Amino acid sequence: MQELCVRRAGKDDLLGLLELYTYLHDEPFPVIDTRIENIWARITNDANHYILLGHVGEVLASSCVAVIVENLTRQQRPYAVIENVITHPDYRKKGYASLLLSAAKDIAVNHNCYKMMLMTGSKRESTLNFYRQAGYNSDDKTAFIQRL
């Protein structure tokens, strides 16, 4: 396995990230307009919104999002939400997503989070087992989604 360099996304990472996201939901590359640039500015300026990038050399191979959510329960400890876990198809099955999830966990621990939550739309047993092996379980909570 080539070494993965993990870092937090910065202002200049939008194009590469959007390119990687085309593999997440098989959506086309979006037109970069003012709306997307404003969203990106809000994300990169939000101290509690982490987009982690995993590079192999110059190639963006993998990414995930960790958002720290402030909380008034559980002794006022925050929790983390993990989303958009993606690895470029050419770099899958090399442990890169696991390394990013571990980095996200480190962030959650450093913020004194009491839990991390991750949902997947995948029904593939291999994907579900991947998340189980990363320390997540599907027994504690029931997720409900309301599409808007």
Protein backbone atom coordinates (compact mmCIF):
# COMPACT_ATOMS: atom_id res chain seq x y z
CA MET A 1 0.00 0.00 0.00
CA GLN A 2 1.31 3.42 -0.92
CA GLU A 3 1.41 5.85 1.99
CA LEU A 4 -1.66 8.00 2.40
CA CYS A 5 -1.16 11.62 3.46
CA VAL A 6 -4.24 12.82 5.37
CA ARG A 7 -4.98 16.49 5.78
CA ARG A 8 -7.88 18.87 6.22
CA ALA A 9 -9.26 20.39 3.03
CA GLY A 10 -8.50 24.01 2.32
CA LYS A 11 -9.81 26.66 -0.01
CA ASP A 12 -7.87 25.35 -3.03
CA ASP A 13 -9.23 21.79 -2.79
CA LEU A 14 -12.74 22.32 -4.17
CA LEU A 15 -12.15 21.09 -7.73
CA GLY A 16 -10.38 17.90 -6.70
CA LEU A 17 -13.00 17.11 -4.09
CA LEU A 18 -15.89 17.66 -6.49
CA GLU A 19 -14.16 15.39 -8.99
CA LEU A 20 -13.84 12.66 -6.36
CA TYR A 21 -17.50 13.13 -5.39
CA THR A 22 -18.58 12.15 -8.91
CA TYR A 23 -17.86 8.57 -7.76
CA LEU A 24 -19.97 8.93 -4.62
CA HIS A 25 -23.42 9.00 -6.21
CA ASP A 26 -22.59 8.73 -9.91
CA GLU A 27 -23.48 12.38 -10.34
CA PRO A 28 -21.87 14.57 -13.01
CA PHE A 29 -19.31 17.18 -12.13
CA PRO A 30 -21.28 20.30 -11.15
CA VAL A 31 -20.92 23.71 -12.70
CA ILE A 32 -18.85 25.82 -10.31
CA ASP A 33 -20.96 28.89 -9.71
CA THR A 34 -21.32 31.50 -6.98
CA ARG A 35 -23.66 29.26 -4.99
CA ILE A 36 -21.11 26.43 -4.82
CA GLU A 37 -18.28 28.85 -4.08
CA ASN A 38 -20.30 30.34 -1.20
CA ILE A 39 -21.06 26.89 0.21
CA TRP A 40 -17.37 26.01 0.00
CA ALA A 41 -16.40 29.23 1.77
CA ARG A 42 -18.83 28.50 4.61
CA ILE A 43 -17.52 24.94 4.95
CA THR A 44 -13.85 25.91 4.96
CA ASN A 45 -14.51 28.70 7.46
CA ASP A 46 -16.48 26.48 9.87
CA ALA A 47 -14.19 25.34 12.69
CA ASN A 48 -16.44 22.31 13.35
CA HIS A 49 -16.66 21.10 9.74
CA TYR A 50 -13.78 18.87 8.70
CA ILE A 51 -13.34 17.55 5.19
CA LEU A 52 -10.47 15.10 5.37
CA LEU A 53 -8.50 14.39 2.23
CA GLY A 54 -6.30 11.38 1.65
CA HIS A 55 -3.61 11.88 -0.98
CA VAL A 56 -1.37 9.28 -2.55
CA GLY A 57 1.35 11.43 -4.02
CA GLU A 58 -0.50 14.16 -5.90
CA VAL A 59 -3.68 12.10 -6.33
CA LEU A 60 -6.73 12.69 -4.15
CA ALA A 61 -7.56 9.07 -3.42
CA SER A 62 -10.07 9.26 -0.58
CA SER A 63 -12.10 11.64 1.54
CA CYS A 64 -14.61 11.83 4.36
CA VAL A 65 -16.46 14.53 6.25
CA ALA A 66 -16.61 14.86 10.03
CA VAL A 67 -18.86 17.50 11.54
CA ILE A 68 -18.75 18.25 15.25
CA VAL A 69 -22.21 19.09 16.60
CA GLU A 70 -22.48 21.04 19.84
CA ASN A 71 -24.90 19.49 22.30
CA LEU A 72 -26.76 20.31 25.53
CA THR A 73 -27.20 16.69 26.64
CA ARG A 74 -24.65 14.05 27.71
CA GLN A 75 -22.86 16.47 30.02
CA GLN A 76 -22.85 18.99 27.17
CA ARG A 77 -20.44 16.86 25.17
CA PRO A 78 -20.66 17.20 21.39
CA TYR A 79 -21.07 14.37 18.92
CA ALA A 80 -19.64 13.81 15.46
CA VAL A 81 -21.43 13.02 12.24
CA ILE A 82 -19.46 11.24 9.54
CA GLU A 83 -20.58 11.59 5.93
CA ASN A 84 -19.45 11.32 2.33
CA VAL A 85 -16.91 8.53 2.81
CA ILE A 86 -15.47 7.95 -0.66
CA THR A 87 -12.42 6.39 -2.24
CA HIS A 88 -11.56 6.71 -5.92
CA PRO A 89 -12.27 3.34 -7.62
CA ASP A 90 -8.59 2.96 -8.61
CA TYR A 91 -7.54 3.18 -4.95
CA ARG A 92 -10.13 1.01 -3.21
CA LYS A 93 -9.33 -2.02 -1.03
CA LYS A 94 -6.05 -0.49 0.16
CA GLY A 95 -7.15 0.66 3.62
CA TYR A 96 -7.35 4.36 2.75
CA ALA A 97 -10.94 4.89 3.88
CA SER A 98 -10.11 3.14 7.15
CA LEU A 99 -7.26 5.58 7.72
CA LEU A 100 -9.58 8.54 7.09
CA LEU A 101 -12.20 7.16 9.48
CA SER A 102 -9.46 6.77 12.08
CA ALA A 103 -8.42 10.40 11.53
CA ALA A 104 -12.07 11.45 11.91
CA LYS A 105 -12.24 9.50 15.17
CA ASP A 106 -9.13 11.32 16.41
CA ILE A 107 -10.86 14.64 15.69
CA ALA A 108 -13.97 13.51 17.58
CA VAL A 109 -11.90 12.37 20.55
CA ASN A 110 -9.99 15.68 20.57
CA HIS A 111 -13.35 17.51 20.68
CA ASN A 112 -14.47 15.31 23.60
CA CYS A 113 -17.34 13.86 21.57
CA TYR A 114 -19.36 11.18 23.30
CA LYS A 115 -20.28 9.39 20.06
CA MET A 116 -19.82 9.32 16.32
CA MET A 117 -22.64 8.60 13.91
CA LEU A 118 -22.39 7.36 10.37
CA MET A 119 -25.13 6.34 7.99
CA THR A 120 -24.77 4.57 4.69
CA GLY A 121 -27.27 4.05 1.94
CA SER A 122 -25.45 0.92 0.86
CA LYS A 123 -27.06 -2.44 1.44
CA ARG A 124 -23.96 -4.35 0.30
CA GLU A 125 -22.73 -6.65 3.01
CA SER A 126 -19.10 -5.80 2.19
CA THR A 127 -19.77 -2.11 2.84
CA LEU A 128 -21.65 -2.82 6.05
CA ASN A 129 -18.85 -5.10 7.23
CA PHE A 130 -16.31 -2.38 6.41
CA TYR A 131 -18.08 0.02 8.78
CA ARG A 132 -18.44 -2.67 11.45
CA GLN A 133 -14.72 -3.38 11.24
CA ALA A 134 -14.10 0.36 11.65
CA GLY A 135 -15.91 0.22 15.00
CA TYR A 136 -19.43 1.25 14.05
CA ASN A 137 -22.49 -0.79 14.91
CA SER A 138 -26.03 -0.80 13.61
CA ASP A 139 -27.62 -2.10 16.80
CA ASP A 140 -27.72 1.00 19.04
CA LYS A 141 -29.91 3.33 16.99
CA THR A 142 -32.47 3.25 14.23
CA ALA A 143 -31.99 5.80 11.48
CA PHE A 144 -34.90 7.47 9.75
CA ILE A 145 -34.48 9.67 6.73
CA GLN A 146 -36.94 12.22 5.43
CA ARG A 147 -36.03 13.46 1.97
CA LEU A 148 -36.75 17.13 1.39
